[in-house]
């Protein structure tokens, strides 16, 4: 492999963010949220009929009537939506993994997955699926990650692609 190709390859996968403990704690919180999102959508994808039967049965508490109607409305979406949401959840987890390790590519994966997380239910179920609190939390994390990544960049002279030398 020639030196130019090595530099391009290392530049793509180069660590470019210095991660501190608070940043890592925020990434862990995002990863836990992404894990819950992934597990929920995977559960609905694979156990949709069982969930509908449980919600319509007498075992579901009557005091949770409001949640019952909303869950039935949410579960009526097609399996394509849950597959897209499951994939975006996996990308959220992968983006969090890369962010935790200090790669700026993790921010790209995380951002694209979060956009799909907001848009997909709205596309399939309508504007009833927009929750202002969820959007605000997503924006809070994205603003924090972008601010942190731009203010805590590793100096360009210290990066690995500048240290590759010809033999």
C-alpha atoms as a PDB file:
ATOM      1  CA  UNK A   1       0.000   0.000   0.000  1.00  0.00           C
ATOM      2  CA  UNK A   2       1.438   3.362  -0.941  1.00  0.00           C
ATOM      3  CA  UNK A   3       1.980   6.175   1.541  1.00  0.00           C
ATOM      4  CA  UNK A   4      -0.877   8.341   0.238  1.00  0.00           C
ATOM      5  CA  UNK A   5      -3.426   5.538   0.687  1.00  0.00           C
ATOM      6  CA  UNK A   6      -2.127   4.846   4.209  1.00  0.00           C
ATOM      7  CA  UNK A   7      -2.480   8.496   5.161  1.00  0.00           C
ATOM      8  CA  UNK A   8      -6.029   8.659   3.800  1.00  0.00           C
ATOM      9  CA  UNK A   9      -7.028   5.453   5.593  1.00  0.00           C
ATOM     10  CA  UNK A  10      -5.520   6.563   8.902  1.00  0.00           C
ATOM     11  CA  UNK A  11      -7.059  10.032   8.480  1.00  0.00           C
ATOM     12  CA  UNK A  12     -10.531   8.508   8.173  1.00  0.00           C
ATOM     13  CA  UNK A  13     -10.182   6.388  11.305  1.00  0.00           C
ATOM     14  CA  UNK A  14      -8.030   8.811  13.282  1.00  0.00           C
ATOM     15  CA  UNK A  15      -9.001   9.746  16.807  1.00  0.00           C
ATOM     16  CA  UNK A  16      -9.736  13.433  16.724  1.00  0.00           C
ATOM     17  CA  UNK A  17     -11.464  14.199  20.051  1.00  0.00           C
ATOM     18  CA  UNK A  18      -9.879  14.262  23.480  1.00  0.00           C
ATOM     19  CA  UNK A  19     -12.525  12.642  25.681  1.00  0.00           C
ATOM     20  CA  UNK A  20     -12.877  13.580  29.321  1.00  0.00           C
ATOM     21  CA  UNK A  21     -14.816  11.828  32.057  1.00  0.00           C
ATOM     22  CA  UNK A  22     -17.935  14.042  31.777  1.00  0.00           C
ATOM     23  CA  UNK A  23     -18.063  13.540  28.018  1.00  0.00           C
ATOM     24  CA  UNK A  24     -17.814   9.780  28.506  1.00  0.00           C
ATOM     25  CA  UNK A  25     -20.595   9.853  31.101  1.00  0.00           C
ATOM     26  CA  UNK A  26     -22.840  11.696  28.637  1.00  0.00           C
ATOM     27  CA  UNK A  27     -21.985   9.151  25.943  1.00  0.00           C
ATOM     28  CA  UNK A  28     -22.851   6.315  28.330  1.00  0.00           C
ATOM     29  CA  UNK A  29     -26.237   7.936  29.023  1.00  0.00           C
ATOM     30  CA  UNK A  30     -26.833   8.249  25.276  1.00  0.00           C
ATOM     31  CA  UNK A  31     -25.815   4.631  24.776  1.00  0.00           C
ATOM     32  CA  UNK A  32     -28.214   3.452  27.491  1.00  0.00           C
ATOM     33  CA  UNK A  33     -31.022   5.411  25.848  1.00  0.00           C
ATOM     34  CA  UNK A  34     -30.043   3.943  22.472  1.00  0.00           C
ATOM     35  CA  UNK A  35     -30.003   0.445  23.966  1.00  0.00           C
ATOM     36  CA  UNK A  36     -33.515   0.892  25.363  1.00  0.00           C
ATOM     37  CA  UNK A  37     -34.680   2.272  22.010  1.00  0.00           C
ATOM     38  CA  UNK A  38     -33.127  -0.672  20.170  1.00  0.00           C
ATOM     39  CA  UNK A  39     -34.565  -3.282  22.535  1.00  0.00           C
ATOM     40  CA  UNK A  40     -38.053  -1.747  22.408  1.00  0.00           C
ATOM     41  CA  UNK A  41     -38.160  -1.608  18.620  1.00  0.00           C
ATOM     42  CA  UNK A  42     -36.647  -5.075  18.307  1.00  0.00           C
ATOM     43  CA  UNK A  43     -39.231  -6.419  20.748  1.00  0.00           C
ATOM     44  CA  UNK A  44     -42.092  -4.843  18.837  1.00  0.00           C
ATOM     45  CA  UNK A  45     -40.626  -6.039  15.539  1.00  0.00           C
ATOM     46  CA  UNK A  46     -40.416  -9.660  16.619  1.00  0.00           C
ATOM     47  CA  UNK A  47     -43.293  -9.886  19.130  1.00  0.00           C
ATOM     48  CA  UNK A  48     -45.861  -7.511  17.614  1.00  0.00           C
ATOM     49  CA  UNK A  49     -48.837  -9.888  17.670  1.00  0.00           C
ATOM     50  CA  UNK A  50     -48.154 -11.007  21.245  1.00  0.00           C
ATOM     51  CA  UNK A  51     -47.997  -7.387  22.409  1.00  0.00           C
ATOM     52  CA  UNK A  52     -51.290  -6.547  20.698  1.00  0.00           C
ATOM     53  CA  UNK A  53     -52.946  -9.577  22.302  1.00  0.00           C
ATOM     54  CA  UNK A  54     -51.602  -8.601  25.736  1.00  0.00           C
ATOM     55  CA  UNK A  55     -52.755  -4.984  25.411  1.00  0.00           C
ATOM     56  CA  UNK A  56     -56.257  -6.066  24.389  1.00  0.00           C
ATOM     57  CA  UNK A  57     -56.540  -8.731  27.094  1.00  0.00           C
ATOM     58  CA  UNK A  58     -57.916  -8.270  30.592  1.00  0.00           C
ATOM     59  CA  UNK A  59     -54.429  -8.763  32.084  1.00  0.00           C
ATOM     60  CA  UNK A  60     -53.430  -5.209  31.146  1.00  0.00           C
ATOM     61  CA  UNK A  61     -54.431  -2.886  34.054  1.00  0.00           C
ATOM     62  CA  UNK A  62     -57.457  -0.665  33.447  1.00  0.00           C
ATOM     63  CA  UNK A  63     -55.797   2.233  35.237  1.00  0.00           C
ATOM     64  CA  UNK A  64     -53.339   2.515  32.351  1.00  0.00           C
ATOM     65  CA  UNK A  65     -56.077   3.173  29.773  1.00  0.00           C
ATOM     66  CA  UNK A  66     -54.325   6.223  28.308  1.00  0.00           C
ATOM     67  CA  UNK A  67     -51.094   4.286  27.766  1.00  0.00           C
ATOM     68  CA  UNK A  68     -53.022   1.344  26.362  1.00  0.00           C
ATOM     69  CA  UNK A  69     -54.582   3.425  23.593  1.00  0.00           C
ATOM     70  CA  UNK A  70     -51.286   5.117  22.730  1.00  0.00           C
ATOM     71  CA  UNK A  71     -49.391   1.816  22.691  1.00  0.00           C
ATOM     72  CA  UNK A  72     -52.035   0.201  20.458  1.00  0.00           C
ATOM     73  CA  UNK A  73     -51.789   3.188  18.109  1.00  0.00           C
ATOM     74  CA  UNK A  74     -47.991   2.962  18.084  1.00  0.00           C
ATOM     75  CA  UNK A  75     -47.872  -0.806  17.568  1.00  0.00           C
ATOM     76  CA  UNK A  76     -50.241  -0.677  14.590  1.00  0.00           C
ATOM     77  CA  UNK A  77     -47.432   0.640  12.393  1.00  0.00           C
ATOM     78  CA  UNK A  78     -45.893  -1.685   9.839  1.00  0.00           C
ATOM     79  CA  UNK A  79     -42.852  -3.821  10.517  1.00  0.00           C
ATOM     80  CA  UNK A  80     -40.810  -1.668   8.133  1.00  0.00           C
ATOM     81  CA  UNK A  81     -40.936   1.207  10.604  1.00  0.00           C
ATOM     82  CA  UNK A  82     -39.688  -0.998  13.426  1.00  0.00           C
ATOM     83  CA  UNK A  83     -36.914  -2.374  11.248  1.00  0.00           C
ATOM     84  CA  UNK A  84     -35.766   1.169  10.377  1.00  0.00           C
ATOM     85  CA  UNK A  85     -35.989   2.163  14.065  1.00  0.00           C
ATOM     86  CA  UNK A  86     -34.048  -0.947  15.075  1.00  0.00           C
ATOM     87  CA  UNK A  87     -31.329  -0.115  12.535  1.00  0.00           C
ATOM     88  CA  UNK A  88     -31.150   3.494  13.738  1.00  0.00           C
ATOM     89  CA  UNK A  89     -30.863   2.209  17.319  1.00  0.00           C
ATOM     90  CA  UNK A  90     -27.911   0.045  16.302  1.00  0.00           C
ATOM     91  CA  UNK A  91     -26.291   3.064  14.628  1.00  0.00           C
ATOM     92  CA  UNK A  92     -26.879   5.093  17.808  1.00  0.00           C
ATOM     93  CA  UNK A  93     -25.033   2.428  19.788  1.00  0.00           C
ATOM     94  CA  UNK A  94     -22.201   2.271  17.243  1.00  0.00           C
ATOM     95  CA  UNK A  95     -21.938   6.068  17.194  1.00  0.00           C
ATOM     96  CA  UNK A  96     -21.783   6.129  21.001  1.00  0.00           C
ATOM     97  CA  UNK A  97     -19.052   3.488  20.926  1.00  0.00           C
ATOM     98  CA  UNK A  98     -16.996   5.577  18.495  1.00  0.00           C
ATOM     99  CA  UNK A  99     -17.635   8.775  20.490  1.00  0.00           C
ATOM    100  CA  UNK A 100     -16.535   7.055  23.686  1.00  0.00           C
ATOM    101  CA  UNK A 101     -13.272   6.069  22.022  1.00  0.00           C
ATOM    102  CA  UNK A 102     -12.706   9.613  20.669  1.00  0.00           C
ATOM    103  CA  UNK A 103     -13.527   9.243  16.977  1.00  0.00           C
ATOM    104  CA  UNK A 104     -15.311  12.125  15.298  1.00  0.00           C
ATOM    105  CA  UNK A 105     -16.991   9.653  12.920  1.00  0.00           C
ATOM    106  CA  UNK A 106     -19.089   8.576  15.893  1.00  0.00           C
ATOM    107  CA  UNK A 107     -20.674  12.003  15.896  1.00  0.00           C
ATOM    108  CA  UNK A 108     -21.748  11.511  12.286  1.00  0.00           C
ATOM    109  CA  UNK A 109     -23.260   8.080  12.990  1.00  0.00           C
ATOM    110  CA  UNK A 110     -24.979   9.382  16.109  1.00  0.00           C
ATOM    111  CA  UNK A 111     -26.419  12.467  14.383  1.00  0.00           C
ATOM    112  CA  UNK A 112     -27.778  10.585  11.357  1.00  0.00           C
ATOM    113  CA  UNK A 113     -29.313   7.903  13.582  1.00  0.00           C
ATOM    114  CA  UNK A 114     -30.955  10.508  15.820  1.00  0.00           C
ATOM    115  CA  UNK A 115     -32.448  12.243  12.778  1.00  0.00           C
ATOM    116  CA  UNK A 116     -33.893   8.916  11.638  1.00  0.00           C
ATOM    117  CA  UNK A 117     -35.146   8.316  15.182  1.00  0.00           C
ATOM    118  CA  UNK A 118     -37.180  11.540  15.032  1.00  0.00           C
ATOM    119  CA  UNK A 119     -38.367  11.337  11.424  1.00  0.00           C
ATOM    120  CA  UNK A 120     -39.300   7.653  11.055  1.00  0.00           C
ATOM    121  CA  UNK A 121     -42.281   7.509  13.474  1.00  0.00           C
ATOM    122  CA  UNK A 122     -43.561  10.843  12.147  1.00  0.00           C
ATOM    123  CA  UNK A 123     -43.361   9.540   8.592  1.00  0.00           C
ATOM    124  CA  UNK A 124     -45.277   6.344   9.388  1.00  0.00           C
ATOM    125  CA  UNK A 125     -47.701   7.501  12.118  1.00  0.00           C
ATOM    126  CA  UNK A 126     -48.071  11.253  11.678  1.00  0.00           C
ATOM    127  CA  UNK A 127     -47.352  14.265  13.848  1.00  0.00           C
ATOM    128  CA  UNK A 128     -48.905  12.606  16.896  1.00  0.00           C
ATOM    129  CA  UNK A 129     -45.550  10.913  17.441  1.00  0.00           C
ATOM    130  CA  UNK A 130     -43.580  14.132  18.033  1.00  0.00           C
ATOM    131  CA  UNK A 131     -42.739  14.632  21.690  1.00  0.00           C
ATOM    132  CA  UNK A 132     -41.187  17.999  22.472  1.00  0.00           C
ATOM    133  CA  UNK A 133     -39.298  16.597  25.468  1.00  0.00           C
ATOM    134  CA  UNK A 134     -37.614  13.912  23.366  1.00  0.00           C
ATOM    135  CA  UNK A 135     -36.645  16.427  20.698  1.00  0.00           C
ATOM    136  CA  UNK A 136     -35.207  18.778  23.331  1.00  0.00           C
ATOM    137  CA  UNK A 137     -33.118  15.993  24.923  1.00  0.00           C
ATOM    138  CA  UNK A 138     -31.832  14.940  21.493  1.00  0.00           C
ATOM    139  CA  UNK A 139     -30.922  18.534  20.641  1.00  0.00           C
ATOM    140  CA  UNK A 140     -29.239  18.974  24.030  1.00  0.00           C
ATOM    141  CA  UNK A 141     -27.011  15.956  23.471  1.00  0.00           C
ATOM    142  CA  UNK A 142     -26.216  16.920  19.865  1.00  0.00           C
ATOM    143  CA  UNK A 143     -25.329  20.513  20.756  1.00  0.00           C
ATOM    144  CA  UNK A 144     -23.162  19.303  23.625  1.00  0.00           C
ATOM    145  CA  UNK A 145     -21.339  16.725  21.482  1.00  0.00           C
ATOM    146  CA  UNK A 146     -20.693  19.169  18.631  1.00  0.00           C
ATOM    147  CA  UNK A 147     -19.539  21.888  21.026  1.00  0.00           C
ATOM    148  CA  UNK A 148     -17.249  19.460  22.834  1.00  0.00           C
ATOM    149  CA  UNK A 149     -15.826  17.977  19.640  1.00  0.00           C
ATOM    150  CA  UNK A 150     -15.005  21.392  18.182  1.00  0.00           C
ATOM    151  CA  UNK A 151     -13.451  22.723  21.372  1.00  0.00           C
ATOM    152  CA  UNK A 152     -11.501  19.549  22.287  1.00  0.00           C
ATOM    153  CA  UNK A 153      -9.907  18.625  18.980  1.00  0.00           C
ATOM    154  CA  UNK A 154      -6.505  17.002  19.089  1.00  0.00           C
ATOM    155  CA  UNK A 155      -3.808  19.261  17.676  1.00  0.00           C
ATOM    156  CA  UNK A 156      -3.181  18.451  14.009  1.00  0.00           C
ATOM    157  CA  UNK A 157       0.535  17.963  14.578  1.00  0.00           C
ATOM    158  CA  UNK A 158      -0.202  15.141  17.058  1.00  0.00           C
ATOM    159  CA  UNK A 159      -2.459  13.172  14.722  1.00  0.00           C
ATOM    160  CA  UNK A 160      -1.411   9.753  13.471  1.00  0.00           C
ATOM    161  CA  UNK A 161      -1.595  10.541   9.749  1.00  0.00           C
ATOM    162  CA  UNK A 162       1.097  13.205  10.154  1.00  0.00           C
ATOM    163  CA  UNK A 163       3.480  10.675  11.714  1.00  0.00           C
ATOM    164  CA  UNK A 164       3.452   8.180   8.816  1.00  0.00           C
ATOM    165  CA  UNK A 165       6.855   8.308   7.210  1.00  0.00           C
ATOM    166  CA  UNK A 166       8.134   6.924   3.954  1.00  0.00           C
ATOM    167  CA  UNK A 167      10.632   4.065   4.125  1.00  0.00           C
END
